[in-house]
Amino acid sequence: MNEASNNPVDGKSGIGETITTALRQPSFLRVMLCLAATVVVFVGMRLAAPILDPILFAVVLALLFSPIYAWLRRHRVPTPLALIIMLVGLTVLFLGLVFILGVSIARFSGDIASYTSKLNDQVSNLQDLAKSLGISNVDVHSALKPSAITGAIGTVLSGVADFLSNLFLILIIVLFLLAEGPAMMNRLRASVGSDHPQVTRLTVFGQSVIRQLGLRAIVNLFTGAGVTVLLLVLRVDFPLMWGILAFFLSFIPWIGLPLAVAPAVVLAFAEHGVTSAVLVIAGVTVINILAENAVSPMLMGRGLSISPTVLFIGFIFWAWLLGGPGAFLAAPLTIFLILMLDTFPETRWLASVMGIGGSEPDEPAPEEEVVEPAEHPA
């Protein structure tokens, strides 16, 4: 009999070590298992989107407001008083947004028939202008459909109003996260060690979201204020509402600002004609150019470097997975995905290509330990 037969325990040990070694090495089966697990997670997120959306929003907002809370704690403000200050400040902010947007949406919804009538009149003027220019085969009414346009604007604003109803729940979750966040991180460090890779990833994720979205918020504030002033000068109804929407929707890359300004353009056209609508488009274009080419490079140089292609694909993916709120959460969720890809050696190259992943030059990636089969004495 051979040696493995004489020593069954040693034979089983060698086989087990060989299997362990094979599982540690990259293989097609391991890749397929990871892909299957990823699909299951994404399907679960899509089904749970109505519950996940306010929670994810609260996590992002808690990260954004955490420096203020940390500043209060560093200045020896007692924890209960710091939480009360954050509660009052966030409540005033959220109630202000709800009041401004809620009143404006209610007024727009009440006057939607009037705006439709004005839009019909302006479209008729365009039709007459086309006929006077000898373009008689163009049906402007069929192309623009005023009732459909105003109905679409009303639908969008109704969606915004529905989201505002979740602000109270988001506020409560934010306060809990601000109060329990430091203690939870301390317990995590105590249980797994402060130098554990996953703890480091979570810390980097929080810092990255604060930098990326904080700097983006400054650029968006410039854009929103510019849009508000422009619409005030041009006497377009609800300038503050459109400015607030421009601020928030500008977090959505590339298409957010056009979506926010399109209703204002339609209102300018309905109230004051083509010239006013063109001035709105030109003014918003100038404001966006100044924000993206003057303010943004000055600030974003201090932030992260995420590939624009990756950010755009992430926007499409997260919007499909989580709905409209996923478009707002595209940047932080993409950052989190990149950091998770950077955790595993097989996907670290992909994280590096996507923008912010990859190990630091002075921090070499840990090598996987390969277990060699033990040699048994004859």
Protein backbone atom coordinates (compact mmCIF):
# COMPACT_ATOMS: atom_id res chain seq x y z
CA MET A 1 0.00 0.00 0.00
CA ASN A 2 1.18 3.52 -0.66
CA GLU A 3 2.01 6.09 1.98
CA ALA A 4 -1.32 7.93 1.74
CA SER A 5 -3.11 4.64 2.48
CA ASN A 6 -0.99 3.99 5.54
CA ASN A 7 -1.62 7.50 6.87
CA PRO A 8 -5.22 8.38 6.12
CA VAL A 9 -5.17 11.46 8.31
CA ASP A 10 -2.09 12.83 6.55
CA GLY A 11 -3.66 12.07 3.18
CA LYS A 12 -6.83 13.98 4.03
CA SER A 13 -4.75 16.88 5.37
CA GLY A 14 -2.78 17.10 2.13
CA ILE A 15 -5.96 17.05 0.03
CA GLY A 16 -7.52 19.75 2.21
CA GLU A 17 -4.48 21.96 1.91
CA THR A 18 -4.45 21.48 -1.86
CA ILE A 19 -8.14 22.48 -2.10
CA THR A 20 -7.48 25.54 0.08
CA THR A 21 -4.61 26.53 -2.17
CA ALA A 22 -6.77 26.15 -5.28
CA LEU A 23 -9.58 28.24 -3.79
CA ARG A 24 -7.19 31.02 -2.91
CA GLN A 25 -5.98 31.28 -6.49
CA PRO A 26 -8.06 33.26 -9.02
CA SER A 27 -10.25 30.91 -11.00
CA PHE A 28 -13.21 31.04 -13.36
CA LEU A 29 -15.44 29.43 -10.71
CA ARG A 30 -14.50 32.04 -8.12
CA VAL A 31 -15.19 34.87 -10.56
CA MET A 32 -18.59 33.39 -11.44
CA LEU A 33 -19.49 33.02 -7.76
CA CYS A 34 -18.57 36.66 -7.12
CA LEU A 35 -20.65 37.79 -10.11
CA ALA A 36 -23.63 35.72 -8.96
CA ALA A 37 -23.41 37.18 -5.45
CA THR A 38 -23.19 40.69 -6.93
CA VAL A 39 -26.30 40.12 -9.04
CA VAL A 40 -28.22 38.88 -5.99
CA VAL A 41 -27.20 41.97 -4.01
CA PHE A 42 -28.23 44.35 -6.81
CA VAL A 43 -31.59 42.61 -7.29
CA GLY A 44 -32.23 42.93 -3.57
CA MET A 45 -31.32 46.64 -3.68
CA ARG A 46 -33.70 47.22 -6.59
CA LEU A 47 -36.57 45.52 -4.77
CA ALA A 48 -35.80 47.38 -1.53
CA ALA A 49 -35.29 50.78 -3.20
CA PRO A 50 -38.25 52.48 -1.44
CA ILE A 51 -36.68 51.60 1.92
CA LEU A 52 -33.05 52.04 0.93
CA ASP A 53 -33.39 55.48 -0.68
CA PRO A 54 -34.15 57.50 2.49
CA ILE A 55 -31.57 55.50 4.47
CA LEU A 56 -28.83 56.11 1.88
CA PHE A 57 -29.78 59.78 1.69
CA ALA A 58 -29.53 60.00 5.46
CA VAL A 59 -26.09 58.34 5.46
CA VAL A 60 -24.78 60.80 2.87
CA LEU A 61 -26.27 63.80 4.68
CA ALA A 62 -24.86 62.57 8.00
CA LEU A 63 -21.41 62.40 6.38
CA LEU A 64 -21.80 65.91 4.97
CA PHE A 65 -22.91 67.42 8.30
CA SER A 66 -20.52 65.36 10.45
CA PRO A 67 -17.71 67.99 10.27
CA ILE A 68 -20.07 70.54 11.89
CA TYR A 69 -20.96 68.09 14.65
CA ALA A 70 -17.28 67.17 15.12
CA TRP A 71 -16.39 70.87 15.33
CA LEU A 72 -18.95 71.37 18.09
CA ARG A 73 -17.57 68.37 20.00
CA ARG A 74 -13.98 69.59 19.61
CA HIS A 75 -15.00 72.87 21.23
CA ARG A 76 -16.21 70.95 24.28
CA VAL A 77 -19.91 71.36 23.56
CA PRO A 78 -21.71 68.59 25.48
CA THR A 79 -23.11 65.84 23.30
CA PRO A 80 -26.80 66.52 24.14
CA LEU A 81 -26.36 70.25 23.43
CA ALA A 82 -24.49 69.53 20.18
CA LEU A 83 -27.32 67.24 19.05
CA ILE A 84 -29.91 69.89 19.95
CA ILE A 85 -28.00 72.47 17.90
CA MET A 86 -27.83 70.07 14.94
CA LEU A 87 -31.52 69.23 15.37
CA VAL A 88 -32.57 72.88 15.37
CA GLY A 89 -30.29 73.77 12.45
CA LEU A 90 -31.33 70.83 10.26
CA THR A 91 -35.00 71.30 11.15
CA VAL A 92 -34.89 74.96 10.14
CA LEU A 93 -33.09 74.04 6.90
CA PHE A 94 -35.47 71.22 5.99
CA LEU A 95 -38.60 73.16 6.96
CA GLY A 96 -37.39 76.11 4.89
CA LEU A 97 -36.95 73.85 1.86
CA VAL A 98 -40.33 72.22 2.41
CA PHE A 99 -42.06 75.58 2.80
CA ILE A 100 -40.47 77.24 -0.24
CA LEU A 101 -40.82 74.27 -2.56
CA GLY A 102 -44.22 73.21 -1.19
CA VAL A 103 -45.80 76.66 -1.56
CA SER A 104 -44.28 77.17 -5.02
CA ILE A 105 -45.42 73.74 -6.24
CA ALA A 106 -48.92 74.31 -4.87
CA ARG A 107 -49.15 77.70 -6.58
CA PHE A 108 -47.86 76.31 -9.87
CA SER A 109 -50.34 73.42 -9.71
CA GLY A 110 -53.18 75.86 -9.05
CA ASP A 111 -52.20 78.07 -12.01
CA ILE A 112 -51.34 75.28 -14.42
CA ALA A 113 -54.46 75.98 -16.52
CA SER A 114 -53.44 79.63 -16.85
CA TYR A 115 -49.90 78.68 -17.92
CA THR A 116 -51.31 76.23 -20.45
CA SER A 117 -53.50 78.98 -21.93
CA LYS A 118 -50.54 81.39 -22.14
CA LEU A 119 -48.41 78.70 -23.73
CA ASN A 120 -51.14 78.05 -26.30
CA ASP A 121 -51.18 81.76 -27.17
CA GLN A 122 -47.40 81.85 -27.62
CA VAL A 123 -47.48 78.71 -29.77
CA SER A 124 -50.20 80.32 -31.92
CA ASN A 125 -47.96 83.36 -32.35
CA LEU A 126 -45.14 81.05 -33.47
CA GLN A 127 -47.52 79.38 -35.92
CA ASP A 128 -48.50 82.77 -37.37
CA LEU A 129 -44.84 83.76 -37.61
CA ALA A 130 -44.05 80.55 -39.47
CA LYS A 131 -46.87 81.21 -41.95
CA SER A 132 -45.70 84.78 -42.51
CA LEU A 133 -42.26 83.44 -43.34
CA GLY A 134 -43.75 81.08 -45.88
CA ILE A 135 -43.38 77.95 -43.75
CA SER A 136 -46.94 76.68 -43.92
CA ASN A 137 -46.30 72.95 -43.65
CA VAL A 138 -45.09 73.10 -40.02
CA ASP A 139 -47.66 72.41 -37.32
CA VAL A 140 -46.18 74.07 -34.24
CA HIS A 141 -49.10 73.03 -32.02
CA SER A 142 -48.53 69.34 -32.75
CA ALA A 143 -44.78 69.68 -32.24
CA LEU A 144 -44.92 71.46 -28.88
CA LYS A 145 -48.25 70.27 -27.37
CA PRO A 146 -48.61 72.90 -24.58
CA SER A 147 -50.90 70.77 -22.41
CA ALA A 148 -48.44 67.87 -22.48
CA ILE A 149 -45.53 70.18 -21.59
CA THR A 150 -47.26 71.77 -18.60
CA GLY A 151 -48.51 68.34 -17.53
CA ALA A 152 -44.96 66.97 -17.60
CA ILE A 153 -43.72 69.88 -15.49
CA GLY A 154 -46.53 69.25 -13.01
CA THR A 155 -45.61 65.57 -12.84
CA VAL A 156 -41.95 66.38 -12.10
CA LEU A 157 -42.90 68.83 -9.38
CA SER A 158 -45.31 66.28 -7.88
CA GLY A 159 -42.41 63.83 -7.67
CA VAL A 160 -40.38 66.48 -5.84
CA ALA A 161 -43.29 67.01 -3.44
CA ASP A 162 -43.50 63.26 -2.78
CA PHE A 163 -39.82 63.18 -1.93
CA LEU A 164 -40.25 66.11 0.47
CA SER A 165 -42.62 63.93 2.49
CA ASN A 166 -39.64 61.70 3.40
CA LEU A 167 -37.54 64.57 4.77
CA PHE A 168 -38.76 64.07 8.35
CA LEU A 169 -37.71 60.40 8.32
CA ILE A 170 -34.35 61.35 6.76
CA LEU A 171 -33.83 64.02 9.44
CA ILE A 172 -34.42 61.53 12.27
CA ILE A 173 -32.01 58.99 10.74
CA VAL A 174 -29.37 61.71 10.25
CA LEU A 175 -29.55 62.68 13.91
CA PHE A 176 -29.22 59.05 15.03
CA LEU A 177 -26.22 58.56 12.75
CA LEU A 178 -24.55 61.75 13.99
CA ALA A 179 -25.08 60.68 17.61
CA GLU A 180 -24.10 57.01 17.20
CA GLY A 181 -21.62 57.24 14.32
CA PRO A 182 -18.42 57.87 16.35
CA ALA A 183 -19.36 55.25 18.94
CA MET A 184 -20.14 52.68 16.22
CA MET A 185 -16.76 53.30 14.55
CA ASN A 186 -14.98 52.99 17.90
CA ARG A 187 -16.71 49.67 18.59
CA LEU A 188 -15.79 48.46 15.09
CA ARG A 189 -12.13 49.40 15.60
CA ALA A 190 -12.10 47.70 18.99
CA SER A 191 -13.56 44.48 17.59
CA VAL A 192 -11.47 44.07 14.41
CA GLY A 193 -8.50 46.36 15.06
CA SER A 194 -7.86 49.94 13.99
CA ASP A 195 -5.57 48.84 11.15
CA HIS A 196 -8.10 46.43 9.61
CA PRO A 197 -8.43 47.06 5.83
CA GLN A 198 -12.22 47.34 5.90
CA VAL A 199 -12.13 49.93 8.68
CA THR A 200 -9.62 51.89 6.63
CA ARG A 201 -11.89 51.65 3.59
CA LEU A 202 -14.88 52.98 5.54
CA THR A 203 -12.82 55.90 6.82
CA VAL A 204 -11.58 56.71 3.32
CA PHE A 205 -15.12 56.44 1.98
CA GLY A 206 -16.43 58.94 4.53
CA GLN A 207 -13.62 61.40 3.85
CA SER A 208 -14.06 61.01 0.08
CA VAL A 209 -17.81 61.67 0.19
CA ILE A 210 -17.30 64.74 2.39
CA ARG A 211 -14.68 66.18 0.03
CA GLN A 212 -16.40 65.30 -3.23
CA LEU A 213 -19.96 66.34 -2.35
CA GLY A 214 -18.89 69.26 -0.17
CA LEU A 215 -16.89 70.85 -2.96
CA ARG A 216 -19.62 70.03 -5.47
CA ALA A 217 -22.15 71.75 -3.20
CA ILE A 218 -20.13 74.99 -3.32
CA VAL A 219 -20.13 74.91 -7.13
CA ASN A 220 -23.85 74.13 -7.18
CA LEU A 221 -24.54 76.99 -4.76
CA PHE A 222 -22.90 79.38 -7.23
CA THR A 223 -25.01 77.92 -10.04
CA GLY A 224 -28.28 77.99 -8.08
CA ALA A 225 -27.74 81.57 -6.91
CA GLY A 226 -26.92 82.67 -10.46
CA VAL A 227 -30.05 81.01 -11.85
CA THR A 228 -32.22 82.64 -9.16
CA VAL A 229 -30.85 86.13 -9.86
CA LEU A 230 -31.20 85.64 -13.63
CA LEU A 231 -34.84 84.58 -13.38
CA LEU A 232 -35.59 87.46 -10.99
CA VAL A 233 -34.16 89.94 -13.50
CA LEU A 234 -36.16 88.37 -16.35
CA ARG A 235 -39.35 88.30 -14.19
CA VAL A 236 -39.95 84.56 -14.50
CA ASP A 237 -42.33 83.12 -11.90
CA PHE A 238 -40.95 81.09 -8.95
CA PRO A 239 -37.25 82.03 -9.39
CA LEU A 240 -36.30 80.75 -5.94
CA MET A 241 -37.86 77.35 -6.60
CA TRP A 242 -35.99 76.96 -9.89
CA GLY A 243 -32.75 78.08 -8.22
CA ILE A 244 -33.16 75.50 -5.43
CA LEU A 245 -33.91 72.78 -7.98
CA ALA A 246 -30.85 73.87 -9.98
CA PHE A 247 -28.73 73.51 -6.84
CA PHE A 248 -29.93 69.99 -6.05
CA LEU A 249 -30.29 68.64 -9.58
CA SER A 250 -26.77 69.84 -10.46
CA PHE A 251 -25.52 66.95 -8.34
CA ILE A 252 -26.72 64.79 -11.24
CA PRO A 253 -23.91 64.94 -13.81
CA TRP A 254 -24.52 66.51 -17.23
CA ILE A 255 -28.30 66.33 -17.37
CA GLY A 256 -29.25 67.66 -13.93
CA LEU A 257 -29.01 71.39 -14.71
CA PRO A 258 -30.92 71.16 -18.03
CA LEU A 259 -33.69 69.24 -16.24
CA ALA A 260 -33.90 71.92 -13.54
CA VAL A 261 -33.91 74.86 -15.97
CA ALA A 262 -36.20 73.42 -18.68
CA PRO A 263 -39.44 74.29 -16.78
CA ALA A 264 -38.17 77.85 -16.24
CA VAL A 265 -37.51 78.17 -19.97
CA VAL A 266 -41.06 77.00 -20.70
CA LEU A 267 -42.50 79.51 -18.21
CA ALA A 268 -40.38 82.33 -19.64
CA PHE A 269 -41.67 81.46 -23.11
CA ALA A 270 -45.29 81.29 -21.91
CA GLU A 271 -45.13 84.57 -20.00
CA HIS A 272 -42.84 86.77 -22.10
CA GLY A 273 -42.26 85.08 -25.45
CA VAL A 274 -39.35 83.64 -27.37
CA THR A 275 -36.87 86.39 -26.52
CA SER A 276 -37.18 85.79 -22.78
CA ALA A 277 -36.80 82.02 -23.22
CA VAL A 278 -33.65 82.52 -25.31
CA LEU A 279 -32.24 84.89 -22.68
CA VAL A 280 -32.84 82.28 -19.97
CA ILE A 281 -31.03 79.62 -22.01
CA ALA A 282 -28.12 81.97 -22.77
CA GLY A 283 -27.85 83.19 -19.18
CA VAL A 284 -27.89 79.69 -17.69
CA THR A 285 -25.27 78.61 -20.23
CA VAL A 286 -22.97 81.46 -19.17
CA ILE A 287 -23.53 80.69 -15.48
CA ASN A 288 -22.76 77.00 -16.05
CA ILE A 289 -19.60 77.81 -18.02
CA LEU A 290 -18.37 80.10 -15.24
CA ALA A 291 -19.19 77.52 -12.56
CA GLU A 292 -17.62 74.55 -14.33
CA ASN A 293 -14.58 76.30 -15.84
CA ALA A 294 -13.73 78.87 -13.18
CA VAL A 295 -15.14 77.82 -9.80
CA SER A 296 -15.06 74.03 -10.20
CA PRO A 297 -11.37 73.60 -11.24
CA MET A 298 -10.30 75.91 -8.41
CA LEU A 299 -12.09 73.72 -5.85
CA MET A 300 -12.11 70.24 -7.36
CA GLY A 301 -8.32 70.20 -7.52
CA ARG A 302 -8.53 69.57 -3.79
CA GLY A 303 -10.97 66.72 -4.22
CA LEU A 304 -10.92 63.37 -5.96
CA SER A 305 -10.20 62.37 -9.51
CA ILE A 306 -12.99 60.10 -10.73
CA SER A 307 -13.12 59.26 -14.41
CA PRO A 308 -15.99 61.24 -16.03
CA THR A 309 -16.90 58.14 -18.05
CA VAL A 310 -17.16 56.06 -14.87
CA LEU A 311 -19.25 58.77 -13.18
CA PHE A 312 -21.65 58.94 -16.13
CA ILE A 313 -22.02 55.15 -16.32
CA GLY A 314 -22.49 55.07 -12.55
CA PHE A 315 -25.21 57.72 -12.84
CA ILE A 316 -27.11 55.62 -15.39
CA PHE A 317 -26.68 52.41 -13.38
CA TRP A 318 -27.68 53.81 -9.96
CA ALA A 319 -30.63 55.73 -11.44
CA TRP A 320 -31.85 52.46 -12.98
CA LEU A 321 -31.26 50.50 -9.78
CA LEU A 322 -32.67 52.93 -7.20
CA GLY A 323 -34.86 55.20 -9.31
CA GLY A 324 -34.68 58.99 -9.23
CA PRO A 325 -32.90 59.19 -5.84
CA GLY A 326 -30.18 56.95 -7.26
CA ALA A 327 -29.24 59.76 -9.64
CA PHE A 328 -28.46 62.02 -6.65
CA LEU A 329 -26.57 59.22 -4.89
CA ALA A 330 -24.54 58.24 -7.96
CA ALA A 331 -21.32 59.96 -6.84
CA PRO A 332 -21.08 58.56 -3.27
CA LEU A 333 -22.23 55.10 -4.34
CA THR A 334 -19.67 55.04 -7.16
CA ILE A 335 -16.95 56.07 -4.69
CA PHE A 336 -18.01 53.25 -2.37
CA LEU A 337 -17.99 50.73 -5.24
CA ILE A 338 -14.48 51.79 -6.31
CA LEU A 339 -13.17 51.47 -2.77
CA MET A 340 -14.70 48.00 -2.45
CA LEU A 341 -13.09 46.95 -5.74
CA ASP A 342 -9.79 48.22 -4.38
CA THR A 343 -10.12 45.84 -1.43
CA PHE A 344 -9.61 42.66 -3.46
CA PRO A 345 -6.37 41.92 -5.36
CA GLU A 346 -8.24 40.57 -8.41
CA THR A 347 -10.17 43.84 -8.89
CA ARG A 348 -7.63 46.38 -7.64
CA TRP A 349 -6.55 47.14 -11.20
CA LEU A 350 -10.16 47.96 -12.11
CA ALA A 351 -10.46 50.36 -9.15
CA SER A 352 -7.28 52.09 -10.29
CA VAL A 353 -8.62 52.50 -13.83
CA MET A 354 -11.93 53.90 -12.53
CA GLY A 355 -10.18 56.79 -10.84
CA ILE A 356 -9.48 56.74 -7.11
CA GLY A 357 -8.60 53.10 -6.42
CA GLY A 358 -5.24 51.44 -6.30
CA SER A 359 -2.72 51.05 -3.52
CA GLU A 360 -0.47 53.90 -2.58
CA PRO A 361 3.09 53.73 -3.94
CA ASP A 362 4.55 53.46 -0.47
CA GLU A 363 1.95 50.89 0.58
CA PRO A 364 2.42 47.74 -1.48
CA ALA A 365 -0.56 45.49 -1.92
CA PRO A 366 -0.48 42.53 0.45
CA GLU A 367 0.53 39.28 -1.19
CA GLU A 368 -1.69 36.27 -0.78
CA GLU A 369 -0.20 33.51 1.24
CA VAL A 370 -0.11 30.22 -0.63
CA VAL A 371 -0.14 27.13 1.55
CA GLU A 372 2.20 24.48 0.28
CA PRO A 373 1.32 20.84 0.92
CA ALA A 374 3.18 19.54 3.97
CA GLU A 375 5.91 16.97 3.45
CA HIS A 376 5.31 13.85 5.51
CA PRO A 377 8.18 11.74 6.68
CA ALA A 378 8.47 8.41 5.05
